[in-house]
PDB file of N, CA and C in Angstrom:
ATOM      1  N   GLN A   1     105.751 134.385 137.103  1.00  0.00           N
ATOM      2  CA  GLN A   1     104.270 132.700 136.897  1.00  0.00           C
ATOM      3  C   GLN A   1     105.781 131.385 137.812  1.00  0.00           C
ATOM      4  N   VAL A   2     104.820 131.140 137.496  1.00  0.00           N
ATOM      5  CA  VAL A   2     105.401 129.550 138.264  1.00  0.00           C
ATOM      6  C   VAL A   2     105.620 128.786 137.315  1.00  0.00           C
ATOM      7  N   GLN A   3     107.159 128.364 137.197  1.00  0.00           N
ATOM      8  CA  GLN A   3     106.962 127.175 136.186  1.00  0.00           C
ATOM      9  C   GLN A   3     108.341 126.099 136.600  1.00  0.00           C
ATOM     10  N   LEU A   4     107.355 124.254 136.933  1.00  0.00           N
ATOM     11  CA  LEU A   4     107.916 123.809 137.125  1.00  0.00           C
ATOM     12  C   LEU A   4     108.562 122.787 136.054  1.00  0.00           C
ATOM     13  N   VAL A   5     109.768 121.785 135.664  1.00  0.00           N
ATOM     14  CA  VAL A   5     109.922 120.647 134.964  1.00  0.00           C
ATOM     15  C   VAL A   5     110.599 119.754 135.756  1.00  0.00           C
ATOM     16  N   GLU A   6     110.171 118.693 135.155  1.00  0.00           N
ATOM     17  CA  GLU A   6     110.347 116.920 135.488  1.00  0.00           C
ATOM     18  C   GLU A   6     111.131 116.697 134.459  1.00  0.00           C
ATOM     19  N   SER A   7     111.837 115.878 135.540  1.00  0.00           N
ATOM     20  CA  SER A   7     112.993 114.740 134.725  1.00  0.00           C
ATOM     21  C   SER A   7     113.216 113.721 135.591  1.00  0.00           C
ATOM     22  N   GLY A   8     114.160 112.180 135.119  1.00  0.00           N
ATOM     23  CA  GLY A   8     114.349 111.626 135.492  1.00  0.00           C
ATOM     24  C   GLY A   8     113.697 110.321 135.213  1.00  0.00           C
ATOM     25  N   GLY A   9     112.765 110.559 134.368  1.00  0.00           N
ATOM     26  CA  GLY A   9     111.750 109.687 133.566  1.00  0.00           C
ATOM     27  C   GLY A   9     112.627 108.266 133.576  1.00  0.00           C
ATOM     28  N   GLY A  10     111.991 107.180 132.948  1.00  0.00           N
ATOM     29  CA  GLY A  10     112.887 106.325 131.546  1.00  0.00           C
ATOM     30  C   GLY A  10     111.559 104.687 132.308  1.00  0.00           C
ATOM     31  N   LEU A  11     113.057 103.817 131.366  1.00  0.00           N
ATOM     32  CA  LEU A  11     112.631 102.651 131.362  1.00  0.00           C
ATOM     33  C   LEU A  11     112.853 101.171 132.081  1.00  0.00           C
ATOM     34  N   VAL A  12     112.364 101.026 133.047  1.00  0.00           N
ATOM     35  CA  VAL A  12     113.466 100.073 134.146  1.00  0.00           C
ATOM     36  C   VAL A  12     112.352  98.743 134.441  1.00  0.00           C
ATOM     37  N   GLN A  13     112.998  97.732 135.163  1.00  0.00           N
ATOM     38  CA  GLN A  13     111.977  97.129 135.617  1.00  0.00           C
ATOM     39  C   GLN A  13     112.336  96.503 136.990  1.00  0.00           C
ATOM     40  N   ALA A  14     110.962  96.048 137.111  1.00  0.00           N
ATOM     41  CA  ALA A  14     110.594  95.430 138.173  1.00  0.00           C
ATOM     42  C   ALA A  14     111.057  95.591 139.638  1.00  0.00           C
ATOM     43  N   GLY A  15     110.761  96.133 140.589  1.00  0.00           N
ATOM     44  CA  GLY A  15     112.194  95.983 141.455  1.00  0.00           C
ATOM     45  C   GLY A  15     113.588  97.208 141.590  1.00  0.00           C
ATOM     46  N   ASP A  16     113.857  97.840 140.248  1.00  0.00           N
ATOM     47  CA  ASP A  16     114.457  98.536 140.359  1.00  0.00           C
ATOM     48  C   ASP A  16     113.821  99.532 141.302  1.00  0.00           C
ATOM     49  N   SER A  17     114.354 100.804 141.027  1.00  0.00           N
ATOM     50  CA  SER A  17     114.712 102.112 141.397  1.00  0.00           C
ATOM     51  C   SER A  17     114.809 103.438 140.374  1.00  0.00           C
ATOM     52  N   LEU A  18     114.061 104.204 140.128  1.00  0.00           N
ATOM     53  CA  LEU A  18     114.163 105.776 139.822  1.00  0.00           C
ATOM     54  C   LEU A  18     114.424 106.788 141.034  1.00  0.00           C
ATOM     55  N   ARG A  19     114.323 107.991 140.795  1.00  0.00           N
ATOM     56  CA  ARG A  19     114.750 109.336 141.122  1.00  0.00           C
ATOM     57  C   ARG A  19     114.111 110.276 140.595  1.00  0.00           C
ATOM     58  N   LEU A  20     112.687 110.796 140.479  1.00  0.00           N
ATOM     59  CA  LEU A  20     112.169 111.925 139.674  1.00  0.00           C
ATOM     60  C   LEU A  20     112.995 113.165 140.568  1.00  0.00           C
ATOM     61  N   SER A  21     113.333 114.479 139.622  1.00  0.00           N
ATOM     62  CA  SER A  21     113.208 115.873 139.979  1.00  0.00           C
ATOM     63  C   SER A  21     112.581 117.449 139.454  1.00  0.00           C
ATOM     64  N   CYS A  22     112.027 117.756 139.748  1.00  0.00           N
ATOM     65  CA  CYS A  22     111.637 118.974 139.772  1.00  0.00           C
ATOM     66  C   CYS A  22     111.980 120.162 140.122  1.00  0.00           C
ATOM     67  N   ALA A  23     112.175 120.806 139.442  1.00  0.00           N
ATOM     68  CA  ALA A  23     112.707 122.229 139.223  1.00  0.00           C
ATOM     69  C   ALA A  23     111.700 123.184 139.380  1.00  0.00           C
ATOM     70  N   ALA A  24     111.915 124.339 140.005  1.00  0.00           N
ATOM     71  CA  ALA A  24     110.656 124.992 140.144  1.00  0.00           C
ATOM     72  C   ALA A  24     111.594 126.855 140.213  1.00  0.00           C
ATOM     73  N   SER A  25     110.963 127.271 139.508  1.00  0.00           N
ATOM     74  CA  SER A  25     111.298 128.867 139.156  1.00  0.00           C
ATOM     75  C   SER A  25     109.757 129.680 139.253  1.00  0.00           C
ATOM     76  N   GLY A  26     110.718 130.867 139.059  1.00  0.00           N
ATOM     77  CA  GLY A  26     109.583 132.083 139.350  1.00  0.00           C
ATOM     78  C   GLY A  26     108.591 132.324 140.439  1.00  0.00           C
ATOM     79  N   GLY A  27     108.982 132.603 141.505  1.00  0.00           N
ATOM     80  CA  GLY A  27     108.078 132.708 142.469  1.00  0.00           C
ATOM     81  C   GLY A  27     107.876 131.633 143.752  1.00  0.00           C
ATOM     82  N   THR A  28     108.472 130.354 143.862  1.00  0.00           N
ATOM     83  CA  THR A  28     108.312 129.641 144.661  1.00  0.00           C
ATOM     84  C   THR A  28     107.608 129.884 145.524  1.00  0.00           C
ATOM     85  N   SER A  29     108.764 130.563 146.105  1.00  0.00           N
ATOM     86  CA  SER A  29     108.619 131.435 148.056  1.00  0.00           C
ATOM     87  C   SER A  29     106.940 131.692 148.139  1.00  0.00           C
ATOM     88  N   ARG A  30     106.735 132.088 147.261  1.00  0.00           N
ATOM     89  CA  ARG A  30     104.591 131.750 147.884  1.00  0.00           C
ATOM     90  C   ARG A  30     103.859 130.679 147.949  1.00  0.00           C
ATOM     91  N   MET A  31     104.931 129.392 147.271  1.00  0.00           N
ATOM     92  CA  MET A  31     103.969 128.455 146.998  1.00  0.00           C
ATOM     93  C   MET A  31     104.051 128.080 148.932  1.00  0.00           C
ATOM     94  N   TYR A  32     103.134 127.460 148.817  1.00  0.00           N
ATOM     95  CA  TYR A  32     102.915 126.013 150.732  1.00  0.00           C
ATOM     96  C   TYR A  32     103.147 124.875 150.101  1.00  0.00           C
ATOM     97  N   ALA A  33     102.535 124.087 149.105  1.00  0.00           N
ATOM     98  CA  ALA A  33     103.718 122.787 149.054  1.00  0.00           C
ATOM     99  C   ALA A  33     104.115 121.997 147.552  1.00  0.00           C
ATOM    100  N   MET A  34     104.431 121.509 147.730  1.00  0.00           N
ATOM    101  CA  MET A  34     104.542 121.108 146.098  1.00  0.00           C
ATOM    102  C   MET A  34     104.453 119.511 145.760  1.00  0.00           C
ATOM    103  N   GLY A  35     103.568 118.461 145.167  1.00  0.00           N
ATOM    104  CA  GLY A  35     103.394 117.139 144.575  1.00  0.00           C
ATOM    105  C   GLY A  35     103.451 116.621 143.402  1.00  0.00           C
ATOM    106  N   TRP A  36     103.472 115.580 143.916  1.00  0.00           N
ATOM    107  CA  TRP A  36     103.780 114.461 142.548  1.00  0.00           C
ATOM    108  C   TRP A  36     102.247 113.687 142.588  1.00  0.00           C
ATOM    109  N   PHE A  37     102.250 113.871 141.110  1.00  0.00           N
ATOM    110  CA  PHE A  37     100.731 112.864 140.892  1.00  0.00           C
ATOM    111  C   PHE A  37     100.936 112.479 139.500  1.00  0.00           C
ATOM    112  N   ARG A  38     100.439 110.954 139.460  1.00  0.00           N
ATOM    113  CA  ARG A  38     100.608 110.229 137.758  1.00  0.00           C
ATOM    114  C   ARG A  38      99.113 110.050 137.116  1.00  0.00           C
ATOM    115  N   GLN A  39      99.669 110.050 135.895  1.00  0.00           N
ATOM    116  CA  GLN A  39      98.637 109.130 135.183  1.00  0.00           C
ATOM    117  C   GLN A  39      98.913 108.462 134.841  1.00  0.00           C
ATOM    118  N   ALA A  40      98.464 107.199 134.131  1.00  0.00           N
ATOM    119  CA  ALA A  40      98.395 105.491 133.500  1.00  0.00           C
ATOM    120  C   ALA A  40      97.477 106.187 132.669  1.00  0.00           C
ATOM    121  N   PRO A  41      97.431 105.180 131.605  1.00  0.00           N
ATOM    122  CA  PRO A  41      96.645 105.335 130.506  1.00  0.00           C
ATOM    123  C   PRO A  41      95.584 105.008 130.328  1.00  0.00           C
ATOM    124  N   GLY A  42      94.288 105.635 129.825  1.00  0.00           N
ATOM    125  CA  GLY A  42      92.837 105.580 130.108  1.00  0.00           C
ATOM    126  C   GLY A  42      92.570 105.433 131.782  1.00  0.00           C
ATOM    127  N   LYS A  43      93.797 106.163 132.416  1.00  0.00           N
ATOM    128  CA  LYS A  43      92.869 106.242 134.567  1.00  0.00           C
ATOM    129  C   LYS A  43      92.923 107.385 134.849  1.00  0.00           C
ATOM    130  N   GLU A  44      92.579 108.355 135.373  1.00  0.00           N
ATOM    131  CA  GLU A  44      92.458 109.721 136.269  1.00  0.00           C
ATOM    132  C   GLU A  44      93.687 109.837 136.535  1.00  0.00           C
ATOM    133  N   ARG A  45      94.241 111.058 136.282  1.00  0.00           N
ATOM    134  CA  ARG A  45      95.282 111.537 137.693  1.00  0.00           C
ATOM    135  C   ARG A  45      94.753 110.905 139.079  1.00  0.00           C
ATOM    136  N   GLU A  46      96.330 110.569 139.586  1.00  0.00           N
ATOM    137  CA  GLU A  46      95.886 110.465 140.500  1.00  0.00           C
ATOM    138  C   GLU A  46      97.231 110.796 141.519  1.00  0.00           C
ATOM    139  N   PHE A  47      96.946 111.165 142.931  1.00  0.00           N
ATOM    140  CA  PHE A  47      97.747 111.467 144.348  1.00  0.00           C
ATOM    141  C   PHE A  47      99.298 110.593 144.821  1.00  0.00           C
ATOM    142  N   VAL A  48     100.368 111.232 144.135  1.00  0.00           N
ATOM    143  CA  VAL A  48     100.737 110.512 144.637  1.00  0.00           C
ATOM    144  C   VAL A  48     102.225 110.726 146.035  1.00  0.00           C
ATOM    145  N   ALA A  49     102.172 111.463 146.397  1.00  0.00           N
ATOM    146  CA  ALA A  49     103.050 112.231 147.625  1.00  0.00           C
ATOM    147  C   ALA A  49     103.148 114.251 146.779  1.00  0.00           C
ATOM    148  N   ALA A  50     103.589 114.472 148.428  1.00  0.00           N
ATOM    149  CA  ALA A  50     103.127 116.070 148.841  1.00  0.00           C
ATOM    150  C   ALA A  50     104.327 116.001 149.866  1.00  0.00           C
ATOM    151  N   ILE A  51     104.853 117.184 149.679  1.00  0.00           N
ATOM    152  CA  ILE A  51     105.426 118.097 150.698  1.00  0.00           C
ATOM    153  C   ILE A  51     105.185 119.107 150.975  1.00  0.00           C
ATOM    154  N   SER A  52     105.565 119.650 153.152  1.00  0.00           N
ATOM    155  CA  SER A  52     105.106 121.461 152.741  1.00  0.00           C
ATOM    156  C   SER A  52     106.828 121.663 152.335  1.00  0.00           C
ATOM    157  N   TRP A  53     106.583 123.143 151.790  1.00  0.00           N
ATOM    158  CA  TRP A  53     107.344 123.886 151.613  1.00  0.00           C
ATOM    159  C   TRP A  53     108.231 123.965 153.030  1.00  0.00           C
ATOM    160  N   SER A  54     107.498 124.701 153.714  1.00  0.00           N
ATOM    161  CA  SER A  54     107.801 125.756 155.360  1.00  0.00           C
ATOM    162  C   SER A  54     108.121 124.324 156.272  1.00  0.00           C
ATOM    163  N   SER A  55     107.325 123.418 157.042  1.00  0.00           N
ATOM    164  CA  SER A  55     107.216 122.431 157.850  1.00  0.00           C
ATOM    165  C   SER A  55     107.943 120.891 157.560  1.00  0.00           C
ATOM    166  N   GLY A  56     108.095 120.508 156.107  1.00  0.00           N
ATOM    167  CA  GLY A  56     108.472 119.207 155.757  1.00  0.00           C
ATOM    168  C   GLY A  56     107.743 118.427 155.676  1.00  0.00           C
ATOM    169  N   ARG A  57     106.215 118.854 156.382  1.00  0.00           N
ATOM    170  CA  ARG A  57     105.578 117.718 156.184  1.00  0.00           C
ATOM    171  C   ARG A  57     105.176 116.881 154.625  1.00  0.00           C
ATOM    172  N   THR A  58     105.729 115.324 155.359  1.00  0.00           N
ATOM    173  CA  THR A  58     104.929 114.834 153.800  1.00  0.00           C
ATOM    174  C   THR A  58     103.400 113.730 154.428  1.00  0.00           C
ATOM    175  N   VAL A  59     103.042 114.118 153.312  1.00  0.00           N
ATOM    176  CA  VAL A  59     101.786 112.594 152.667  1.00  0.00           C
ATOM    177  C   VAL A  59     102.165 111.991 151.525  1.00  0.00           C
ATOM    178  N   TYR A  60     101.575 110.514 151.624  1.00  0.00           N
ATOM    179  CA  TYR A  60     101.919 109.354 150.291  1.00  0.00           C
ATOM    180  C   TYR A  60     100.411 108.634 149.978  1.00  0.00           C
ATOM    181  N   ALA A  61     100.779 108.619 148.884  1.00  0.00           N
ATOM    182  CA  ALA A  61      99.314 107.657 148.546  1.00  0.00           C
ATOM    183  C   ALA A  61      99.456 106.010 149.469  1.00  0.00           C
ATOM    184  N   ASP A  62      98.805 105.588 149.505  1.00  0.00           N
ATOM    185  CA  ASP A  62      98.715 104.030 150.406  1.00  0.00           C
ATOM    186  C   ASP A  62      99.159 103.439 149.182  1.00  0.00           C
ATOM    187  N   SER A  63      99.018 103.278 147.702  1.00  0.00           N
ATOM    188  CA  SER A  63      99.460 101.997 146.899  1.00  0.00           C
ATOM    189  C   SER A  63     100.967 102.762 146.907  1.00  0.00           C
ATOM    190  N   VAL A  64     102.087 103.299 147.176  1.00  0.00           N
ATOM    191  CA  VAL A  64     103.320 103.969 147.059  1.00  0.00           C
ATOM    192  C   VAL A  64     103.894 104.100 148.510  1.00  0.00           C
ATOM    193  N   LYS A  65     103.035 104.049 149.697  1.00  0.00           N
ATOM    194  CA  LYS A  65     104.083 104.461 151.473  1.00  0.00           C
ATOM    195  C   LYS A  65     104.812 103.115 151.631  1.00  0.00           C
ATOM    196  N   GLY A  66     105.740 103.728 151.764  1.00  0.00           N
ATOM    197  CA  GLY A  66     107.054 102.490 152.124  1.00  0.00           C
ATOM    198  C   GLY A  66     107.941 102.370 150.766  1.00  0.00           C
ATOM    199  N   ARG A  67     107.369 102.256 149.774  1.00  0.00           N
ATOM    200  CA  ARG A  67     108.308 102.253 148.171  1.00  0.00           C
ATOM    201  C   ARG A  67     108.830 103.834 148.050  1.00  0.00           C
ATOM    202  N   PHE A  68     108.344 104.954 147.755  1.00  0.00           N
ATOM    203  CA  PHE A  68     108.205 106.132 148.161  1.00  0.00           C
ATOM    204  C   PHE A  68     108.882 107.002 148.555  1.00  0.00           C
ATOM    205  N   THR A  69     109.735 107.940 148.029  1.00  0.00           N
ATOM    206  CA  THR A  69     110.088 108.855 149.231  1.00  0.00           C
ATOM    207  C   THR A  69     110.161 110.591 148.516  1.00  0.00           C
ATOM    208  N   ILE A  70     109.254 111.636 149.458  1.00  0.00           N
ATOM    209  CA  ILE A  70     109.549 112.745 148.481  1.00  0.00           C
ATOM    210  C   ILE A  70     110.755 113.260 149.474  1.00  0.00           C
ATOM    211  N   SER A  71     111.076 114.327 148.901  1.00  0.00           N
ATOM    212  CA  SER A  71     111.724 115.287 149.531  1.00  0.00           C
ATOM    213  C   SER A  71     112.304 116.798 149.168  1.00  0.00           C
ATOM    214  N   ARG A  72     112.666 117.721 149.865  1.00  0.00           N
ATOM    215  CA  ARG A  72     113.181 118.640 148.607  1.00  0.00           C
ATOM    216  C   ARG A  72     113.973 119.585 149.108  1.00  0.00           C
ATOM    217  N   ASP A  73     115.201 119.884 148.578  1.00  0.00           N
ATOM    218  CA  ASP A  73     116.398 120.759 148.706  1.00  0.00           C
ATOM    219  C   ASP A  73     116.374 121.811 150.096  1.00  0.00           C
ATOM    220  N   SER A  74     117.408 122.105 150.183  1.00  0.00           N
ATOM    221  CA  SER A  74     117.563 123.490 150.904  1.00  0.00           C
ATOM    222  C   SER A  74     117.428 124.325 151.045  1.00  0.00           C
ATOM    223  N   ALA A  75     116.677 125.179 149.640  1.00  0.00           N
ATOM    224  CA  ALA A  75     116.840 126.244 148.338  1.00  0.00           C
ATOM    225  C   ALA A  75     115.423 125.999 148.199  1.00  0.00           C
ATOM    226  N   ASN A  76     114.506 124.872 148.796  1.00  0.00           N
ATOM    227  CA  ASN A  76     112.715 124.663 148.375  1.00  0.00           C
ATOM    228  C   ASN A  76     112.745 125.429 146.446  1.00  0.00           C
ATOM    229  N   THR A  77     113.819 125.221 145.403  1.00  0.00           N
ATOM    230  CA  THR A  77     113.675 125.079 144.577  1.00  0.00           C
ATOM    231  C   THR A  77     113.738 123.825 143.666  1.00  0.00           C
ATOM    232  N   THR A  78     113.643 122.547 144.923  1.00  0.00           N
ATOM    233  CA  THR A  78     114.214 121.406 143.748  1.00  0.00           C
ATOM    234  C   THR A  78     113.286 120.206 144.252  1.00  0.00           C
ATOM    235  N   VAL A  79     112.780 119.639 144.201  1.00  0.00           N
ATOM    236  CA  VAL A  79     111.556 118.317 145.298  1.00  0.00           C
ATOM    237  C   VAL A  79     111.908 117.063 143.631  1.00  0.00           C
ATOM    238  N   TYR A  80     112.129 117.000 145.267  1.00  0.00           N
ATOM    239  CA  TYR A  80     112.581 114.732 144.472  1.00  0.00           C
ATOM    240  C   TYR A  80     111.574 113.810 145.079  1.00  0.00           C
ATOM    241  N   LEU A  81     111.254 112.884 144.262  1.00  0.00           N
ATOM    242  CA  LEU A  81     111.029 111.285 144.605  1.00  0.00           C
ATOM    243  C   LEU A  81     111.299 110.337 144.242  1.00  0.00           C
ATOM    244  N   GLN A  82     111.732 109.592 145.183  1.00  0.00           N
ATOM    245  CA  GLN A  82     112.723 108.457 145.186  1.00  0.00           C
ATOM    246  C   GLN A  82     111.453 106.863 144.941  1.00  0.00           C
ATOM    247  N   MET A  83     111.870 106.531 143.977  1.00  0.00           N
ATOM    248  CA  MET A  83     111.221 105.720 144.015  1.00  0.00           C
ATOM    249  C   MET A  83     111.903 103.835 143.754  1.00  0.00           C
ATOM    250  N   ASP A  84     111.761 103.358 144.862  1.00  0.00           N
ATOM    251  CA  ASP A  84     112.186 102.131 144.879  1.00  0.00           C
ATOM    252  C   ASP A  84     111.385 100.718 144.815  1.00  0.00           C
ATOM    253  N   SER A  85     111.260  99.970 144.735  1.00  0.00           N
ATOM    254  CA  SER A  85     110.628  98.703 144.659  1.00  0.00           C
ATOM    255  C   SER A  85     109.919  98.533 144.062  1.00  0.00           C
ATOM    256  N   LEU A  86     109.784  99.741 142.641  1.00  0.00           N
ATOM    257  CA  LEU A  86     109.161  99.908 141.608  1.00  0.00           C
ATOM    258  C   LEU A  86     108.439  98.402 140.960  1.00  0.00           C
ATOM    259  N   LYS A  87     106.774  98.520 140.751  1.00  0.00           N
ATOM    260  CA  LYS A  87     106.166  97.357 140.291  1.00  0.00           C
ATOM    261  C   LYS A  87     105.942  98.309 139.121  1.00  0.00           C
ATOM    262  N   SER A  88     104.970  97.432 138.640  1.00  0.00           N
ATOM    263  CA  SER A  88     104.480  97.535 136.806  1.00  0.00           C
ATOM    264  C   SER A  88     103.292  97.953 136.925  1.00  0.00           C
ATOM    265  N   GLU A  89     102.536  98.467 137.944  1.00  0.00           N
ATOM    266  CA  GLU A  89     101.352  99.366 138.213  1.00  0.00           C
ATOM    267  C   GLU A  89     102.042 100.942 138.611  1.00  0.00           C
ATOM    268  N   ASP A  90     103.377 100.792 138.522  1.00  0.00           N
ATOM    269  CA  ASP A  90     103.837 101.714 138.260  1.00  0.00           C
ATOM    270  C   ASP A  90     104.099 102.864 137.341  1.00  0.00           C
ATOM    271  N   THR A  91     103.502 102.119 136.564  1.00  0.00           N
ATOM    272  CA  THR A  91     104.400 102.910 135.192  1.00  0.00           C
ATOM    273  C   THR A  91     102.876 103.705 134.816  1.00  0.00           C
ATOM    274  N   ALA A  92     103.440 105.056 134.596  1.00  0.00           N
ATOM    275  CA  ALA A  92     102.315 106.617 134.213  1.00  0.00           C
ATOM    276  C   ALA A  92     103.114 107.491 133.548  1.00  0.00           C
ATOM    277  N   VAL A  93     101.909 108.569 133.512  1.00  0.00           N
ATOM    278  CA  VAL A  93     103.512 109.913 133.436  1.00  0.00           C
ATOM    279  C   VAL A  93     103.516 110.475 134.342  1.00  0.00           C
ATOM    280  N   TYR A  94     104.236 110.978 135.153  1.00  0.00           N
ATOM    281  CA  TYR A  94     104.503 111.615 136.901  1.00  0.00           C
ATOM    282  C   TYR A  94     104.623 113.071 136.878  1.00  0.00           C
ATOM    283  N   TYR A  95     103.678 113.204 137.320  1.00  0.00           N
ATOM    284  CA  TYR A  95     104.021 115.255 136.973  1.00  0.00           C
ATOM    285  C   TYR A  95     104.110 115.826 138.535  1.00  0.00           C
ATOM    286  N   CYS A  96     104.765 117.035 138.554  1.00  0.00           N
ATOM    287  CA  CYS A  96     105.629 117.555 139.309  1.00  0.00           C
ATOM    288  C   CYS A  96     104.312 118.979 139.779  1.00  0.00           C
ATOM    289  N   ALA A  97     103.414 119.575 140.788  1.00  0.00           N
ATOM    290  CA  ALA A  97     102.603 120.199 140.919  1.00  0.00           C
ATOM    291  C   ALA A  97     102.958 121.322 142.192  1.00  0.00           C
ATOM    292  N   ALA A  98     102.163 122.847 142.417  1.00  0.00           N
ATOM    293  CA  ALA A  98     102.178 123.363 143.373  1.00  0.00           C
ATOM    294  C   ALA A  98     101.497 123.398 143.899  1.00  0.00           C
ATOM    295  N   LEU A  99     101.450 124.011 144.956  1.00  0.00           N
ATOM    296  CA  LEU A  99      99.936 124.658 145.294  1.00  0.00           C
ATOM    297  C   LEU A  99     100.756 126.145 146.213  1.00  0.00           C
ATOM    298  N   ARG A 100      99.639 127.353 145.910  1.00  0.00           N
ATOM    299  CA  ARG A 100      99.464 128.168 146.882  1.00  0.00           C
ATOM    300  C   ARG A 100      99.198 128.132 148.455  1.00  0.00           C
ATOM    301  N   LYS A 101      97.912 127.729 148.158  1.00  0.00           N
ATOM    302  CA  LYS A 101      97.430 127.605 149.683  1.00  0.00           C
ATOM    303  C   LYS A 101      97.715 127.086 150.720  1.00  0.00           C
ATOM    304  N   ALA A 102      97.447 126.394 152.092  1.00  0.00           N
ATOM    305  CA  ALA A 102      97.656 125.876 152.838  1.00  0.00           C
ATOM    306  C   ALA A 102      96.628 124.616 153.049  1.00  0.00           C
ATOM    307  N   ILE A 103      96.469 124.299 152.244  1.00  0.00           N
ATOM    308  CA  ILE A 103      95.229 123.021 152.537  1.00  0.00           C
ATOM    309  C   ILE A 103      95.389 122.216 152.958  1.00  0.00           C
ATOM    310  N   ALA A 104      94.973 121.695 153.407  1.00  0.00           N
ATOM    311  CA  ALA A 104      95.087 120.631 154.565  1.00  0.00           C
ATOM    312  C   ALA A 104      96.251 118.988 154.191  1.00  0.00           C
ATOM    313  N   THR A 105      95.063 118.998 152.859  1.00  0.00           N
ATOM    314  CA  THR A 105      95.061 117.644 152.803  1.00  0.00           C
ATOM    315  C   THR A 105      96.452 117.551 151.356  1.00  0.00           C
ATOM    316  N   MET A 106      96.222 118.644 150.750  1.00  0.00           N
ATOM    317  CA  MET A 106      97.618 118.345 149.579  1.00  0.00           C
ATOM    318  C   MET A 106      97.348 117.153 148.700  1.00  0.00           C
ATOM    319  N   ARG A 107      96.482 116.191 149.115  1.00  0.00           N
ATOM    320  CA  ARG A 107      96.613 115.338 147.853  1.00  0.00           C
ATOM    321  C   ARG A 107      94.964 115.190 146.406  1.00  0.00           C
ATOM    322  N   ARG A 108      94.169 116.839 146.498  1.00  0.00           N
ATOM    323  CA  ARG A 108      93.678 116.935 145.798  1.00  0.00           C
ATOM    324  C   ARG A 108      93.986 117.607 144.230  1.00  0.00           C
ATOM    325  N   VAL A 109      93.918 117.209 143.274  1.00  0.00           N
ATOM    326  CA  VAL A 109      94.268 117.321 142.158  1.00  0.00           C
ATOM    327  C   VAL A 109      93.384 119.238 141.496  1.00  0.00           C
ATOM    328  N   TYR A 110      93.402 119.521 142.380  1.00  0.00           N
ATOM    329  CA  TYR A 110      91.836 120.655 142.074  1.00  0.00           C
ATOM    330  C   TYR A 110      92.856 121.777 143.595  1.00  0.00           C
ATOM    331  N   GLU A 111      93.772 121.554 144.379  1.00  0.00           N
ATOM    332  CA  GLU A 111      94.059 121.952 144.922  1.00  0.00           C
ATOM    333  C   GLU A 111      95.485 122.700 144.632  1.00  0.00           C
ATOM    334  N   TYR A 112      96.088 122.071 143.558  1.00  0.00           N
ATOM    335  CA  TYR A 112      96.911 122.490 142.952  1.00  0.00           C
ATOM    336  C   TYR A 112      97.257 123.638 141.767  1.00  0.00           C
ATOM    337  N   ASP A 113      97.968 124.418 141.503  1.00  0.00           N
ATOM    338  CA  ASP A 113      97.808 125.984 140.885  1.00  0.00           C
ATOM    339  C   ASP A 113      98.256 125.849 139.795  1.00  0.00           C
ATOM    340  N   TYR A 114      99.678 125.144 139.806  1.00  0.00           N
ATOM    341  CA  TYR A 114     100.852 124.609 138.509  1.00  0.00           C
ATOM    342  C   TYR A 114     100.795 123.235 138.729  1.00  0.00           C
ATOM    343  N   TRP A 115     101.488 122.941 136.923  1.00  0.00           N
ATOM    344  CA  TRP A 115     102.193 121.920 136.621  1.00  0.00           C
ATOM    345  C   TRP A 115     103.008 122.062 135.889  1.00  0.00           C
ATOM    346  N   GLY A 116     103.929 120.956 135.506  1.00  0.00           N
ATOM    347  CA  GLY A 116     104.758 120.485 135.289  1.00  0.00           C
ATOM    348  C   GLY A 116     104.276 120.048 133.888  1.00  0.00           C
ATOM    349  N   GLN A 117     104.699 119.190 132.775  1.00  0.00           N
ATOM    350  CA  GLN A 117     104.735 118.821 131.758  1.00  0.00           C
ATOM    351  C   GLN A 117     104.929 117.539 131.680  1.00  0.00           C
ATOM    352  N   GLY A 118     105.159 117.058 132.821  1.00  0.00           N
ATOM    353  CA  GLY A 118     105.271 115.344 132.915  1.00  0.00           C
ATOM    354  C   GLY A 118     106.425 114.596 132.440  1.00  0.00           C
ATOM    355  N   THR A 119     106.777 113.262 132.703  1.00  0.00           N
ATOM    356  CA  THR A 119     107.748 112.752 132.465  1.00  0.00           C
ATOM    357  C   THR A 119     107.108 111.280 132.536  1.00  0.00           C
ATOM    358  N   GLN A 120     107.353 110.815 131.324  1.00  0.00           N
ATOM    359  CA  GLN A 120     107.349 108.712 131.581  1.00  0.00           C
ATOM    360  C   GLN A 120     107.704 108.235 132.111  1.00  0.00           C
ATOM    361  N   VAL A 121     106.903 107.325 132.793  1.00  0.00           N
ATOM    362  CA  VAL A 121     107.738 106.241 134.008  1.00  0.00           C
ATOM    363  C   VAL A 121     107.266 104.842 133.599  1.00  0.00           C
ATOM    364  N   THR A 122     108.241 103.892 132.851  1.00  0.00           N
ATOM    365  CA  THR A 122     107.781 102.646 132.348  1.00  0.00           C
ATOM    366  C   THR A 122     108.254 101.922 133.401  1.00  0.00           C
ATOM    367  N   VAL A 123     107.630 101.040 133.903  1.00  0.00           N
ATOM    368  CA  VAL A 123     107.920  99.678 134.652  1.00  0.00           C
ATOM    369  C   VAL A 123     108.177  98.363 133.590  1.00  0.00           C
ATOM    370  N   SER A 124     108.388  97.800 133.466  1.00  0.00           N
ATOM    371  CA  SER A 124     108.748  96.777 132.955  1.00  0.00           C
ATOM    372  C   SER A 124     108.040  94.973 133.994  1.00  0.00           C
ATOM    373  N   SER A 125     107.568  94.575 133.717  1.00  0.00           N
ATOM    374  CA  SER A 125     107.419  93.212 134.924  1.00  0.00           C
ATOM    375  C   SER A 125     108.287  92.065 134.252  1.00  0.00           C
TER     376      SER A 125
END
């Protein structure tokens, strides 16, 4: 059973940076990709970024492109989300997720098989 544990959330000011980490365990070698999603109060969970374990191919939501960077460690056990130039609208609970199938988009909530518990990111303006 794959387990995902996020860390690194917190309270920052607009324009600051924050780095989230997601530690994966329990069969990550069978995973195709890892992704980050976020959910603000009263809103649906939305895609932020994803990375393929094997090729390192990355995809980003338009709202974070150029500000956020997703990466993974060489052992494929930890995925990171570097968030720069944070805005108040980035405030949300951020979730790490893993998917098994080689899905082309990596952008849809329903494509992911495992989820972490989430970490709160609050950006004050």
